N, C-alpha and C. Protein backbone atom coordinates (compact mmCIF):
# COMPACT_ATOMS: atom_id res chain seq x y z
N MET A 1 -1.25 -4.50 -14.87
CA MET A 1 -2.09 -5.42 -14.54
C MET A 1 -3.50 -4.90 -14.60
N PRO A 2 -4.55 -5.87 -14.89
CA PRO A 2 -5.93 -5.34 -14.91
C PRO A 2 -6.40 -4.89 -13.59
N ARG A 3 -7.05 -3.82 -13.60
CA ARG A 3 -7.72 -3.17 -12.46
C ARG A 3 -8.41 -4.26 -11.65
N ALA A 4 -9.14 -5.28 -12.31
CA ALA A 4 -9.89 -6.13 -11.40
C ALA A 4 -8.88 -7.03 -10.71
N ASP A 5 -7.62 -6.96 -10.80
CA ASP A 5 -6.71 -7.84 -9.94
C ASP A 5 -6.30 -7.11 -8.65
N PHE A 6 -7.01 -5.97 -8.46
CA PHE A 6 -6.92 -5.35 -7.12
C PHE A 6 -8.02 -5.45 -6.33
N SER A 7 -7.70 -5.70 -4.99
CA SER A 7 -8.85 -6.23 -4.11
C SER A 7 -9.43 -4.82 -3.55
N PHE A 8 -8.78 -3.66 -3.69
CA PHE A 8 -9.22 -2.41 -3.11
C PHE A 8 -8.70 -1.13 -3.81
N CYS A 9 -9.59 -0.20 -3.86
CA CYS A 9 -9.18 1.17 -4.41
C CYS A 9 -9.70 2.16 -3.43
N HIS A 10 -8.87 3.22 -3.31
CA HIS A 10 -9.33 4.34 -2.68
C HIS A 10 -9.22 5.64 -3.39
N GLN A 11 -10.51 6.38 -3.34
CA GLN A 11 -10.56 7.52 -4.12
C GLN A 11 -9.95 8.74 -3.32
N LEU A 12 -9.15 9.60 -4.05
CA LEU A 12 -8.79 10.85 -3.48
C LEU A 12 -8.72 11.82 -4.57
N ARG A 13 -8.67 13.08 -4.09
CA ARG A 13 -8.67 14.35 -5.08
C ARG A 13 -7.25 14.93 -4.86
N VAL A 14 -6.77 15.29 -5.99
CA VAL A 14 -5.41 16.00 -5.88
C VAL A 14 -5.69 17.32 -5.28
N ARG A 15 -4.78 17.81 -4.35
CA ARG A 15 -4.98 19.05 -3.71
C ARG A 15 -4.00 20.10 -4.30
N TYR A 16 -4.29 21.26 -4.21
CA TYR A 16 -3.55 22.38 -4.79
C TYR A 16 -1.95 22.30 -4.17
N ALA A 17 -1.89 22.07 -2.96
CA ALA A 17 -0.69 21.98 -2.23
C ALA A 17 0.20 20.91 -2.86
N GLU A 18 -0.27 19.90 -3.56
CA GLU A 18 0.43 18.78 -4.06
C GLU A 18 1.08 18.98 -5.44
N VAL A 19 0.62 20.03 -6.11
CA VAL A 19 1.24 20.21 -7.41
C VAL A 19 2.32 21.20 -7.52
N ASP A 20 3.20 21.11 -8.52
CA ASP A 20 4.49 21.85 -8.57
C ASP A 20 4.29 22.92 -9.55
N ALA A 21 5.29 23.68 -9.79
CA ALA A 21 5.29 24.78 -10.64
C ALA A 21 4.97 24.43 -12.11
N GLN A 22 5.00 23.21 -12.36
CA GLN A 22 4.64 22.66 -13.75
C GLN A 22 3.09 22.29 -13.80
N GLY A 23 2.39 22.47 -12.76
CA GLY A 23 0.91 22.21 -12.56
C GLY A 23 0.70 20.76 -12.45
N VAL A 24 1.52 19.79 -12.17
CA VAL A 24 1.38 18.48 -12.05
C VAL A 24 1.78 18.10 -10.58
N VAL A 25 1.26 16.91 -10.15
CA VAL A 25 1.64 16.50 -8.85
C VAL A 25 3.10 16.18 -8.77
N PHE A 26 3.72 16.80 -7.58
CA PHE A 26 5.12 16.54 -7.43
C PHE A 26 5.44 15.11 -7.03
N ASN A 27 6.44 14.60 -7.63
CA ASN A 27 6.78 13.08 -7.57
C ASN A 27 6.73 12.44 -6.27
N ALA A 28 7.06 13.15 -5.13
CA ALA A 28 7.08 12.52 -3.87
C ALA A 28 5.74 12.33 -3.29
N HIS A 29 4.75 12.98 -3.76
CA HIS A 29 3.49 12.85 -3.21
C HIS A 29 2.71 11.42 -3.70
N TYR A 30 3.25 10.84 -4.70
CA TYR A 30 2.77 9.49 -5.14
C TYR A 30 2.94 8.59 -3.89
N LEU A 31 4.08 8.62 -3.24
CA LEU A 31 4.28 7.69 -2.18
C LEU A 31 3.30 7.90 -1.04
N THR A 32 3.01 9.27 -0.82
CA THR A 32 2.00 9.62 0.13
C THR A 32 0.56 9.00 -0.27
N TYR A 33 0.34 9.13 -1.64
CA TYR A 33 -1.01 8.44 -1.97
C TYR A 33 -1.03 7.00 -1.69
N PHE A 34 0.18 6.50 -2.14
CA PHE A 34 0.22 4.96 -1.70
C PHE A 34 0.10 4.66 -0.24
N ASP A 35 0.60 5.51 0.62
CA ASP A 35 0.42 5.20 1.95
C ASP A 35 -0.93 5.41 2.43
N VAL A 36 -1.53 6.53 1.97
CA VAL A 36 -2.97 6.67 2.35
C VAL A 36 -3.83 5.60 1.87
N ALA A 37 -3.75 5.23 0.73
CA ALA A 37 -4.44 3.99 0.11
C ALA A 37 -4.18 2.72 0.92
N HIS A 38 -2.96 2.51 1.35
CA HIS A 38 -2.61 1.28 2.14
C HIS A 38 -3.38 1.32 3.48
N THR A 39 -3.31 2.55 4.12
CA THR A 39 -4.02 2.67 5.42
C THR A 39 -5.48 2.17 5.25
N GLU A 40 -6.13 2.85 4.25
CA GLU A 40 -7.51 2.57 3.84
C GLU A 40 -7.74 1.07 3.65
N TYR A 41 -6.87 0.46 3.04
CA TYR A 41 -6.82 -0.96 2.58
C TYR A 41 -6.92 -1.70 4.06
N LEU A 42 -6.12 -1.48 4.89
CA LEU A 42 -5.96 -2.16 6.18
C LEU A 42 -7.30 -2.01 6.96
N ARG A 43 -7.82 -0.79 6.93
CA ARG A 43 -9.08 -0.46 7.64
C ARG A 43 -10.16 -1.14 6.99
N ALA A 44 -10.33 -1.15 5.68
CA ALA A 44 -11.22 -2.14 5.08
C ALA A 44 -11.20 -3.51 5.37
N ALA A 45 -9.98 -3.97 5.64
CA ALA A 45 -9.85 -5.28 6.17
C ALA A 45 -10.06 -5.73 7.54
N GLY A 46 -10.49 -4.59 8.20
CA GLY A 46 -10.83 -4.72 9.59
C GLY A 46 -9.66 -4.90 10.57
N TYR A 47 -8.54 -4.51 10.08
CA TYR A 47 -7.35 -4.50 10.84
C TYR A 47 -6.95 -3.16 11.52
N ASP A 48 -6.79 -3.21 12.87
CA ASP A 48 -6.64 -1.98 13.62
C ASP A 48 -5.13 -1.77 13.61
N TYR A 49 -4.46 -1.19 12.71
CA TYR A 49 -3.18 -0.96 12.58
C TYR A 49 -2.52 -0.15 13.81
N ALA A 50 -3.12 1.02 13.95
CA ALA A 50 -2.58 1.77 15.15
C ALA A 50 -2.61 0.97 16.40
N GLY A 51 -3.78 0.36 16.64
CA GLY A 51 -3.94 -0.37 17.92
C GLY A 51 -2.97 -1.52 18.06
N GLU A 52 -2.61 -2.13 16.90
CA GLU A 52 -1.59 -3.27 16.98
C GLU A 52 -0.25 -2.67 17.31
N ILE A 53 0.04 -1.56 16.75
CA ILE A 53 1.40 -0.97 17.07
C ILE A 53 1.70 -0.64 18.51
N ARG A 54 0.43 -0.10 19.08
CA ARG A 54 0.41 0.28 20.63
C ARG A 54 0.63 -1.05 21.35
N ARG A 55 -0.21 -2.13 20.95
CA ARG A 55 -0.42 -3.41 21.69
C ARG A 55 0.93 -4.15 21.62
N THR A 56 1.51 -4.27 20.45
CA THR A 56 2.73 -5.20 20.24
C THR A 56 4.10 -4.47 20.17
N GLY A 57 3.99 -3.20 19.96
CA GLY A 57 5.39 -2.55 19.77
C GLY A 57 6.13 -2.81 18.48
N LEU A 58 5.26 -3.34 17.51
CA LEU A 58 5.85 -3.67 16.15
C LEU A 58 5.21 -2.75 15.10
N ASP A 59 6.02 -2.36 14.25
CA ASP A 59 5.52 -1.67 13.04
C ASP A 59 6.40 -1.94 11.82
N PHE A 60 6.15 -1.23 10.78
CA PHE A 60 6.90 -1.53 9.56
C PHE A 60 7.91 -0.44 9.04
N HIS A 61 8.95 -0.85 8.68
CA HIS A 61 9.94 0.05 7.88
C HIS A 61 9.84 -0.09 6.54
N LEU A 62 9.72 0.94 5.85
CA LEU A 62 9.76 0.86 4.33
C LEU A 62 11.25 0.81 3.94
N VAL A 63 11.55 -0.31 3.10
CA VAL A 63 12.87 -0.57 2.86
C VAL A 63 13.03 -0.46 1.18
N ARG A 64 11.94 -0.46 0.54
CA ARG A 64 12.07 -0.32 -1.01
C ARG A 64 10.65 0.32 -1.52
N SER A 65 10.85 1.33 -2.35
CA SER A 65 9.73 1.89 -3.00
C SER A 65 10.04 2.19 -4.54
N VAL A 66 9.13 1.82 -5.27
CA VAL A 66 9.20 2.06 -6.73
C VAL A 66 7.99 2.84 -7.23
N VAL A 67 8.21 3.84 -8.00
CA VAL A 67 7.07 4.68 -8.63
C VAL A 67 7.31 4.66 -10.26
N GLU A 68 6.45 4.22 -11.00
CA GLU A 68 6.43 4.45 -12.35
C GLU A 68 5.33 5.52 -12.95
N TYR A 69 5.89 6.70 -13.42
CA TYR A 69 4.94 7.75 -13.72
C TYR A 69 4.67 7.56 -15.08
N ARG A 70 3.34 7.46 -15.52
CA ARG A 70 2.82 7.11 -16.81
C ARG A 70 2.14 8.54 -17.39
N ARG A 71 1.29 9.05 -16.69
CA ARG A 71 0.68 10.34 -17.19
C ARG A 71 0.53 11.26 -15.87
N PRO A 72 0.69 12.49 -16.03
CA PRO A 72 0.56 13.37 -14.89
C PRO A 72 -0.74 13.51 -14.38
N LEU A 73 -0.67 13.68 -13.06
CA LEU A 73 -1.87 14.02 -12.25
C LEU A 73 -1.92 15.55 -12.10
N VAL A 74 -3.16 16.03 -12.18
CA VAL A 74 -3.13 17.55 -12.01
C VAL A 74 -4.29 18.03 -10.87
N PHE A 75 -3.98 19.09 -10.53
CA PHE A 75 -5.01 19.76 -9.52
C PHE A 75 -6.48 19.44 -9.72
N ASP A 76 -7.03 19.02 -8.52
CA ASP A 76 -8.48 18.75 -8.45
C ASP A 76 -9.02 17.59 -9.04
N GLN A 77 -8.02 16.68 -9.67
CA GLN A 77 -8.37 15.47 -10.45
C GLN A 77 -8.72 14.45 -9.39
N LEU A 78 -9.83 13.70 -9.76
CA LEU A 78 -10.24 12.56 -8.88
C LEU A 78 -9.38 11.26 -9.45
N VAL A 79 -8.77 10.56 -8.52
CA VAL A 79 -8.21 9.45 -8.88
C VAL A 79 -8.34 8.40 -7.94
N ASP A 80 -8.31 7.16 -8.37
CA ASP A 80 -8.39 5.91 -7.59
C ASP A 80 -6.94 5.26 -7.42
N VAL A 81 -6.64 5.11 -6.18
CA VAL A 81 -5.41 4.53 -5.91
C VAL A 81 -5.75 3.10 -5.35
N CYS A 82 -5.32 2.00 -6.21
CA CYS A 82 -5.52 0.71 -6.12
C CYS A 82 -4.48 0.04 -5.34
N VAL A 83 -4.78 -0.99 -4.38
CA VAL A 83 -3.86 -1.43 -3.49
C VAL A 83 -3.99 -3.14 -3.66
N ARG A 84 -2.87 -3.74 -3.65
CA ARG A 84 -3.00 -5.22 -3.62
C ARG A 84 -1.66 -5.71 -2.83
N ALA A 85 -2.04 -6.62 -1.82
CA ALA A 85 -0.88 -7.28 -1.11
C ALA A 85 -0.43 -8.35 -1.96
N ALA A 86 0.74 -8.36 -2.59
CA ALA A 86 1.22 -9.25 -3.44
C ALA A 86 1.88 -10.54 -2.93
N ARG A 87 2.61 -10.17 -1.83
CA ARG A 87 3.66 -11.24 -1.30
C ARG A 87 3.88 -10.84 0.21
N ILE A 88 3.60 -11.92 1.03
CA ILE A 88 4.07 -11.72 2.44
C ILE A 88 5.07 -12.97 2.80
N GLY A 89 6.30 -12.27 3.13
CA GLY A 89 7.35 -13.19 3.68
C GLY A 89 7.22 -13.47 5.14
N ARG A 90 8.31 -13.90 5.68
CA ARG A 90 8.39 -14.12 7.10
C ARG A 90 8.39 -12.79 7.83
N THR A 91 9.10 -11.93 7.35
CA THR A 91 9.14 -10.69 8.09
C THR A 91 8.80 -9.42 7.21
N SER A 92 8.52 -9.76 6.00
CA SER A 92 8.24 -8.52 5.06
C SER A 92 6.85 -8.76 4.35
N VAL A 93 6.36 -7.55 3.64
CA VAL A 93 5.19 -7.50 2.97
C VAL A 93 5.35 -6.71 1.67
N THR A 94 5.07 -7.20 0.58
CA THR A 94 5.10 -6.46 -0.73
C THR A 94 3.80 -5.94 -1.26
N ASN A 95 3.70 -4.71 -1.41
CA ASN A 95 2.38 -4.25 -1.93
C ASN A 95 2.57 -3.69 -3.36
N LEU A 96 1.48 -3.78 -4.03
CA LEU A 96 1.44 -3.18 -5.40
C LEU A 96 0.41 -2.21 -5.48
N PHE A 97 0.71 -1.13 -6.26
CA PHE A 97 -0.17 -0.08 -6.37
C PHE A 97 -0.49 0.36 -7.83
N GLU A 98 -1.52 0.88 -8.12
CA GLU A 98 -1.91 1.54 -9.45
C GLU A 98 -2.73 2.71 -9.21
N ILE A 99 -2.35 3.80 -9.93
CA ILE A 99 -3.32 5.03 -9.72
C ILE A 99 -3.96 5.05 -11.18
N HIS A 100 -5.22 5.17 -11.09
CA HIS A 100 -6.05 5.29 -12.27
C HIS A 100 -7.03 6.68 -12.18
N ALA A 101 -7.42 7.22 -13.29
CA ALA A 101 -8.45 8.26 -13.25
C ALA A 101 -9.50 7.70 -12.78
N SER A 102 -10.35 8.31 -11.82
CA SER A 102 -11.43 7.91 -11.01
C SER A 102 -12.48 7.24 -12.11
N GLY A 103 -12.74 5.80 -11.67
CA GLY A 103 -13.73 5.09 -12.59
C GLY A 103 -13.27 4.81 -13.92
N GLU A 104 -12.05 4.98 -14.25
CA GLU A 104 -11.48 4.62 -15.54
C GLU A 104 -10.30 3.53 -15.50
N ASP A 105 -10.07 2.99 -16.62
CA ASP A 105 -9.07 1.87 -16.60
C ASP A 105 -7.66 2.55 -17.01
N ALA A 106 -7.52 3.82 -17.50
CA ALA A 106 -6.35 4.45 -17.93
C ALA A 106 -5.33 4.56 -16.70
N LEU A 107 -4.15 3.83 -16.88
CA LEU A 107 -3.28 3.72 -16.00
C LEU A 107 -2.39 5.08 -15.86
N LEU A 108 -2.35 5.82 -14.70
CA LEU A 108 -1.56 7.04 -14.67
C LEU A 108 -0.26 6.71 -14.02
N ALA A 109 -0.15 5.77 -13.06
CA ALA A 109 1.05 5.56 -12.24
C ALA A 109 1.05 4.18 -11.71
N SER A 110 2.07 3.49 -11.47
CA SER A 110 2.06 2.22 -10.76
C SER A 110 3.20 2.20 -9.84
N GLY A 111 3.20 1.15 -8.75
CA GLY A 111 4.30 1.26 -7.78
C GLY A 111 4.29 -0.10 -7.02
N GLU A 112 5.39 -0.10 -6.29
CA GLU A 112 5.70 -1.23 -5.38
C GLU A 112 6.20 -0.71 -3.98
N THR A 113 5.80 -1.22 -2.98
CA THR A 113 6.63 -1.13 -1.75
C THR A 113 6.85 -2.28 -1.10
N VAL A 114 8.09 -2.34 -0.36
CA VAL A 114 8.43 -3.47 0.38
C VAL A 114 8.58 -3.06 1.89
N LEU A 115 7.85 -3.68 2.85
CA LEU A 115 7.88 -3.18 4.24
C LEU A 115 8.36 -4.36 5.07
N VAL A 116 9.22 -4.13 6.00
CA VAL A 116 9.73 -5.06 6.85
C VAL A 116 9.25 -4.78 8.33
N CYS A 117 8.66 -5.81 8.97
CA CYS A 117 8.05 -5.81 10.29
C CYS A 117 9.25 -5.74 11.26
N ALA A 118 9.20 -4.78 12.11
CA ALA A 118 10.36 -4.45 13.06
C ALA A 118 9.83 -4.29 14.48
N ASP A 119 10.59 -4.62 15.39
CA ASP A 119 10.39 -4.44 16.80
C ASP A 119 10.91 -2.85 17.00
N LEU A 120 9.95 -2.02 17.47
CA LEU A 120 10.29 -0.54 17.52
C LEU A 120 11.36 -0.38 18.56
N ALA A 121 11.58 -1.07 19.56
CA ALA A 121 12.54 -0.86 20.49
C ALA A 121 13.96 -1.07 19.99
N THR A 122 14.12 -2.18 19.02
CA THR A 122 15.38 -2.56 18.56
C THR A 122 15.56 -2.31 17.13
N HIS A 123 14.47 -2.02 16.31
CA HIS A 123 14.58 -1.74 14.87
C HIS A 123 15.05 -3.10 14.12
N ARG A 124 14.97 -4.32 14.87
CA ARG A 124 15.33 -5.54 14.16
C ARG A 124 14.07 -6.07 13.56
N PRO A 125 14.22 -6.91 12.51
CA PRO A 125 13.11 -7.54 11.89
C PRO A 125 12.61 -8.63 12.86
N VAL A 126 11.29 -8.86 12.69
CA VAL A 126 10.53 -9.82 13.49
C VAL A 126 9.47 -10.29 12.59
N PRO A 127 8.93 -11.54 12.81
CA PRO A 127 7.83 -12.01 12.05
C PRO A 127 6.73 -11.18 11.86
N VAL A 128 5.90 -11.06 10.82
CA VAL A 128 4.75 -10.40 10.44
C VAL A 128 3.71 -10.86 11.39
N MET A 129 3.02 -9.85 11.92
CA MET A 129 1.89 -10.15 12.83
C MET A 129 0.93 -11.06 12.34
N PRO A 130 0.40 -12.16 13.07
CA PRO A 130 -0.49 -12.94 12.60
C PRO A 130 -1.98 -12.52 12.17
N GLY A 131 -2.35 -11.25 12.94
CA GLY A 131 -3.56 -10.66 12.69
C GLY A 131 -3.53 -9.99 11.25
N LEU A 132 -2.23 -9.41 10.83
CA LEU A 132 -2.09 -8.84 9.66
C LEU A 132 -2.18 -9.84 8.55
N LEU A 133 -1.45 -10.88 8.71
CA LEU A 133 -1.48 -11.91 7.74
C LEU A 133 -2.84 -12.35 7.56
N GLU A 134 -3.75 -12.58 8.33
CA GLU A 134 -5.23 -12.98 8.33
C GLU A 134 -5.93 -11.97 7.63
N ALA A 135 -5.71 -10.56 7.86
CA ALA A 135 -6.43 -9.51 7.18
C ALA A 135 -6.01 -9.54 5.89
N MET A 136 -4.79 -9.78 5.48
CA MET A 136 -4.50 -9.75 3.98
C MET A 136 -4.98 -10.94 3.27
N ARG A 137 -4.99 -12.10 3.99
CA ARG A 137 -5.71 -13.27 3.36
C ARG A 137 -7.24 -13.06 3.00
N ARG A 138 -7.92 -12.29 3.95
CA ARG A 138 -9.31 -12.16 3.59
C ARG A 138 -9.40 -11.09 2.55
N MET A 139 -8.53 -10.08 2.31
CA MET A 139 -8.63 -9.14 1.19
C MET A 139 -8.19 -9.83 -0.12
N GLU A 140 -7.23 -10.56 0.02
CA GLU A 140 -6.78 -11.11 -1.32
C GLU A 140 -7.08 -12.52 -1.70
N GLY A 141 -7.88 -13.20 -0.76
CA GLY A 141 -8.26 -14.55 -1.27
C GLY A 141 -7.15 -15.40 -1.66
N GLY A 142 -7.05 -16.14 -2.55
CA GLY A 142 -5.99 -17.07 -2.96
C GLY A 142 -4.85 -16.27 -3.61
N ARG A 143 -4.89 -15.04 -3.93
CA ARG A 143 -3.90 -14.33 -4.65
C ARG A 143 -2.60 -13.93 -3.89
N LEU A 144 -2.51 -13.97 -2.65
CA LEU A 144 -1.56 -13.67 -1.83
C LEU A 144 -0.43 -14.71 -1.69
N GLU A 145 0.73 -14.36 -2.40
CA GLU A 145 1.91 -15.33 -2.31
C GLU A 145 2.50 -15.29 -0.89
N GLU A 146 2.54 -16.34 -0.28
CA GLU A 146 3.03 -16.64 0.90
C GLU A 146 4.37 -17.33 1.05
N ALA A 147 5.31 -16.89 1.96
CA ALA A 147 6.54 -17.62 2.19
C ALA A 147 6.16 -18.87 3.15
N ALA A 148 6.87 -19.74 3.21
CA ALA A 148 6.66 -20.95 4.19
C ALA A 148 6.93 -20.43 5.53
N ARG A 149 6.16 -20.80 6.47
CA ARG A 149 6.25 -20.45 7.83
C ARG A 149 6.63 -21.60 8.68
N PRO A 150 7.48 -21.48 9.57
CA PRO A 150 7.77 -22.64 10.52
C PRO A 150 6.57 -23.14 11.12
N GLY A 151 6.40 -24.34 11.28
CA GLY A 151 5.32 -25.10 11.97
C GLY A 151 4.05 -25.01 11.29
N GLY A 152 4.07 -24.60 9.85
CA GLY A 152 2.71 -24.63 9.33
C GLY A 152 3.02 -24.41 7.72
């Protein structure tokens, strides 16, 4: 998808500890990059993620992750990890990610995560927090696909 379809990108530098014997980023680190960028996305949206966890006892469980590796990332490379909340269901959020060489359109990797909101005491799914929904609406404008909600 065009880079312009992403509401937020976070720049990071590939660290030496993240590359493998082949000299490229080890595959599992891509999910870490997605997670870091998603945290920064929420911060940019003005959403106090850690505070909401403490206040509500709700958090997200990762239930699906997909990474497509296009071109290798290498030590000391600057990359932009772009994030977009694509869909919000009653209890779940689907996020899309793309990794680009910093300031460039060349796609290096893409991915998707599905997170389910859960009560940390029971680990049972619960509705997505209203504050998070509002933060994502602010970030995504009219591009956020939303499931129908009871009473609204």
